[in-house]
C-alpha atoms as a PDB file:
ATOM      1  CA  MET A   1     -64.554 -15.907  47.041  1.00  0.00           C
ATOM      2  CA  ARG A   2     -66.097 -18.452  49.430  1.00  0.00           C
ATOM      3  CA  LYS A   3     -64.389 -16.787  52.380  1.00  0.00           C
ATOM      4  CA  LEU A   4     -65.833 -13.432  51.344  1.00  0.00           C
ATOM      5  CA  ILE A   5     -69.383 -14.816  51.030  1.00  0.00           C
ATOM      6  CA  LEU A   6     -69.035 -16.670  54.339  1.00  0.00           C
ATOM      7  CA  GLY A   7     -67.763 -13.496  56.042  1.00  0.00           C
ATOM      8  CA  PHE A   8     -70.683 -11.410  54.756  1.00  0.00           C
ATOM      9  CA  SER A   9     -73.146 -14.111  55.783  1.00  0.00           C
ATOM     10  CA  ILE A  10     -71.846 -14.252  59.345  1.00  0.00           C
ATOM     11  CA  LEU A  11     -71.707 -10.466  59.585  1.00  0.00           C
ATOM     12  CA  SER A  12     -75.298 -10.066  58.364  1.00  0.00           C
ATOM     13  CA  ILE A  13     -76.593 -12.732  60.764  1.00  0.00           C
ATOM     14  CA  VAL A  14     -74.886 -11.042  63.715  1.00  0.00           C
ATOM     15  CA  ALA A  15     -76.185  -7.631  62.640  1.00  0.00           C
ATOM     16  CA  LEU A  16     -79.753  -8.886  62.242  1.00  0.00           C
ATOM     17  CA  TRP A  17     -79.703 -10.683  65.560  1.00  0.00           C
ATOM     18  CA  SER A  18     -78.410  -7.690  67.529  1.00  0.00           C
ATOM     19  CA  CYS A  19     -80.828  -5.199  65.932  1.00  0.00           C
ATOM     20  CA  GLU A  20     -83.848  -7.469  66.108  1.00  0.00           C
ATOM     21  CA  ASN A  21     -83.710  -7.741  69.884  1.00  0.00           C
ATOM     22  CA  GLU A  22     -83.726  -3.963  70.437  1.00  0.00           C
ATOM     23  CA  GLU A  23     -86.476  -3.296  67.925  1.00  0.00           C
ATOM     24  CA  LEU A  24     -88.855  -5.989  69.156  1.00  0.00           C
ATOM     25  CA  ASN A  25     -88.378  -5.395  72.878  1.00  0.00           C
ATOM     26  CA  PRO A  26     -87.265  -1.802  73.445  1.00  0.00           C
ATOM     27  CA  GLU A  27     -86.701  -0.565  76.962  1.00  0.00           C
ATOM     28  CA  TYR A  28     -87.822   2.816  78.306  1.00  0.00           C
ATOM     29  CA  PRO A  29     -85.780   3.512  81.462  1.00  0.00           C
ATOM     30  CA  PHE A  30     -85.878   6.934  83.077  1.00  0.00           C
ATOM     31  CA  THR A  31     -84.651   8.695  86.189  1.00  0.00           C
ATOM     32  CA  ILE A  32     -86.239  11.614  87.992  1.00  0.00           C
ATOM     33  CA  VAL A  33     -83.973  13.933  90.013  1.00  0.00           C
ATOM     34  CA  VAL A  34     -85.764  16.160  92.533  1.00  0.00           C
ATOM     35  CA  LYS A  35     -84.190  19.498  93.542  1.00  0.00           C
ATOM     36  CA  THR A  36     -85.385  22.581  95.358  1.00  0.00           C
ATOM     37  CA  LEU A  37     -86.172  25.535  93.119  1.00  0.00           C
ATOM     38  CA  ALA A  38     -84.458  28.129  95.324  1.00  0.00           C
ATOM     39  CA  ASP A  39     -80.973  26.609  95.495  1.00  0.00           C
ATOM     40  CA  SER A  40     -80.980  23.319  93.503  1.00  0.00           C
ATOM     41  CA  THR A  41     -80.343  21.223  96.605  1.00  0.00           C
ATOM     42  CA  VAL A  42     -81.264  17.585  95.997  1.00  0.00           C
ATOM     43  CA  ALA A  43     -84.418  16.521  97.826  1.00  0.00           C
ATOM     44  CA  GLN A  44     -84.199  13.190  99.598  1.00  0.00           C
ATOM     45  CA  ASN A  45     -87.226  11.043 100.465  1.00  0.00           C
ATOM     46  CA  THR A  46     -89.553  12.969  98.141  1.00  0.00           C
ATOM     47  CA  PHE A  47     -92.625  11.211  96.758  1.00  0.00           C
ATOM     48  CA  VAL A  48     -92.597  11.017  92.925  1.00  0.00           C
ATOM     49  CA  GLU A  49     -95.671  10.134  90.860  1.00  0.00           C
ATOM     50  CA  VAL A  50     -95.673   9.518  87.100  1.00  0.00           C
ATOM     51  CA  ALA A  51     -98.880   9.360  85.070  1.00  0.00           C
ATOM     52  CA  ALA A  52    -100.163   9.805  81.534  1.00  0.00           C
ATOM     53  CA  PRO A  53    -101.665  13.303  81.122  1.00  0.00           C
ATOM     54  CA  ILE A  54    -105.009  12.118  79.738  1.00  0.00           C
ATOM     55  CA  ALA A  55    -108.368  11.450  81.329  1.00  0.00           C
ATOM     56  CA  GLY A  56    -108.943   7.848  82.354  1.00  0.00           C
ATOM     57  CA  ASN A  57    -105.253   6.923  82.107  1.00  0.00           C
ATOM     58  CA  THR A  58    -104.093   3.619  83.503  1.00  0.00           C
ATOM     59  CA  VAL A  59    -100.435   4.598  83.783  1.00  0.00           C
ATOM     60  CA  PHE A  60     -99.400   5.276  87.352  1.00  0.00           C
ATOM     61  CA  ILE A  61     -95.881   4.746  88.674  1.00  0.00           C
ATOM     62  CA  GLU A  62     -94.681   5.942  92.071  1.00  0.00           C
ATOM     63  CA  GLY A  63     -91.619   5.883  94.287  1.00  0.00           C
ATOM     64  CA  TYR A  64     -89.422   7.859  96.689  1.00  0.00           C
ATOM     65  CA  THR A  65     -86.117   9.561  95.956  1.00  0.00           C
ATOM     66  CA  ASP A  66     -82.923   8.188  97.460  1.00  0.00           C
ATOM     67  CA  GLU A  67     -80.192  10.110  99.308  1.00  0.00           C
ATOM     68  CA  GLU A  68     -79.055  11.637  96.001  1.00  0.00           C
ATOM     69  CA  GLY A  69     -82.563  12.894  95.164  1.00  0.00           C
ATOM     70  CA  ARG A  70     -83.006  10.261  92.429  1.00  0.00           C
ATOM     71  CA  VAL A  71     -85.637   7.654  91.683  1.00  0.00           C
ATOM     72  CA  SER A  72     -85.509   5.361  88.627  1.00  0.00           C
ATOM     73  CA  PHE A  73     -88.361   3.726  86.752  1.00  0.00           C
ATOM     74  CA  GLU A  74     -88.971   1.772  83.569  1.00  0.00           C
ATOM     75  CA  TYR A  75     -92.021   1.842  81.334  1.00  0.00           C
ATOM     76  CA  ASP A  76     -92.941  -0.552  78.523  1.00  0.00           C
ATOM     77  CA  GLN A  77     -93.640   1.856  75.648  1.00  0.00           C
ATOM     78  CA  ALA A  78     -92.872   5.268  74.210  1.00  0.00           C
ATOM     79  CA  ALA A  79     -94.862   7.983  75.948  1.00  0.00           C
ATOM     80  CA  THR A  80     -94.915  11.524  77.229  1.00  0.00           C
ATOM     81  CA  LEU A  81     -95.715  11.367  80.927  1.00  0.00           C
ATOM     82  CA  SER A  82     -96.485  13.923  83.643  1.00  0.00           C
ATOM     83  CA  VAL A  83     -94.280  13.878  86.736  1.00  0.00           C
ATOM     84  CA  ARG A  84     -95.175  15.300  90.149  1.00  0.00           C
ATOM     85  CA  ALA A  85     -92.781  15.424  93.099  1.00  0.00           C
ATOM     86  CA  SER A  86     -94.207  16.301  96.495  1.00  0.00           C
ATOM     87  CA  ARG A  87     -93.697  16.341 100.209  1.00  0.00           C
ATOM     88  CA  GLY A  88     -96.586  16.156 102.627  1.00  0.00           C
ATOM     89  CA  GLU A  89     -99.807  14.164 102.390  1.00  0.00           C
ATOM     90  CA  ARG A  90    -102.307  14.899  99.639  1.00  0.00           C
ATOM     91  CA  PRO A  91    -103.977  17.430  99.551  1.00  0.00           C
ATOM     92  CA  ASP A  92    -101.902  19.148 102.272  1.00  0.00           C
ATOM     93  CA  TYR A  93     -98.619  19.329 100.390  1.00  0.00           C
ATOM     94  CA  THR A  94     -95.746  21.249 101.905  1.00  0.00           C
ATOM     95  CA  TRP A  95     -93.559  21.175  98.762  1.00  0.00           C
ATOM     96  CA  ILE A  96     -94.541  20.392  95.171  1.00  0.00           C
ATOM     97  CA  GLY A  97     -93.166  20.511  91.631  1.00  0.00           C
ATOM     98  CA  CYS A  98     -94.151  19.145  88.224  1.00  0.00           C
ATOM     99  CA  THR A  99     -92.681  18.486  84.806  1.00  0.00           C
ATOM    100  CA  GLU A 100     -93.141  16.207  81.809  1.00  0.00           C
ATOM    101  CA  ILE A 101     -90.846  13.541  80.432  1.00  0.00           C
ATOM    102  CA  ARG A 102     -90.725  12.024  76.956  1.00  0.00           C
ATOM    103  CA  LEU A 103     -89.596   8.401  76.831  1.00  0.00           C
ATOM    104  CA  ILE A 104     -87.498   7.267  73.865  1.00  0.00           C
ATOM    105  CA  PRO A 105     -86.793   3.610  73.004  1.00  0.00           C
ATOM    106  CA  ASN A 106     -83.542   2.230  74.428  1.00  0.00           C
ATOM    107  CA  GLN A 107     -82.419   5.591  75.840  1.00  0.00           C
ATOM    108  CA  HIS A 108     -82.101   6.280  79.552  1.00  0.00           C
ATOM    109  CA  ILE A 109     -83.734   9.681  80.064  1.00  0.00           C
ATOM    110  CA  THR A 110     -82.941  11.797  83.143  1.00  0.00           C
ATOM    111  CA  LYS A 111     -85.232  14.695  84.051  1.00  0.00           C
ATOM    112  CA  ASN A 112     -85.002  17.258  86.867  1.00  0.00           C
ATOM    113  CA  VAL A 113     -88.088  18.287  88.837  1.00  0.00           C
ATOM    114  CA  TYR A 114     -87.820  21.460  90.899  1.00  0.00           C
ATOM    115  CA  ILE A 115     -89.991  21.630  94.003  1.00  0.00           C
ATOM    116  CA  GLU A 116     -91.016  24.761  95.884  1.00  0.00           C
ATOM    117  CA  PRO A 117     -93.165  25.491  98.940  1.00  0.00           C
ATOM    118  CA  TYR A 118     -96.790  24.688  98.162  1.00  0.00           C
ATOM    119  CA  ASP A 119     -99.120  27.661  97.832  1.00  0.00           C
ATOM    120  CA  THR A 120    -102.825  26.805  98.173  1.00  0.00           C
ATOM    121  CA  LEU A 121    -103.760  29.961  96.250  1.00  0.00           C
ATOM    122  CA  LEU A 122    -101.980  28.798  93.090  1.00  0.00           C
ATOM    123  CA  ILE A 123    -103.730  26.352  90.802  1.00  0.00           C
ATOM    124  CA  GLY A 124    -101.765  23.872  88.787  1.00  0.00           C
ATOM    125  CA  CYS A 125     -99.216  21.133  89.075  1.00  0.00           C
ATOM    126  CA  SER A 126    -101.840  18.464  89.596  1.00  0.00           C
ATOM    127  CA  PHE A 127    -103.068  15.474  87.632  1.00  0.00           C
ATOM    128  CA  ASP A 128    -105.519  14.080  90.191  1.00  0.00           C
END
């Protein structure tokens, strides 16, 4: 009987310790993959901006894609964020694409963004 109680005690301590760490300090890693809309070719060296889609937001993360068209980030809380991938200097973009990403605790989320040639006559895809 003592062995059984000791076994359950050790098992519950290990279970509490492993769950407590994830719940108190969750991670929110995510990867953005940039591709062209026409043929899904990965887009290297594309500027990626991530921001909260609300006025006065303080969330702003940026980076460039690698040779596989990927850029990885990590945020510190659950959120739904706007993502813009672009080539060319603002406001004279040559290529642009947008999407949204929802971050979930302790799950690595991967999201594709499809870019296309920028058309100055079309409004949208901006969170400036």
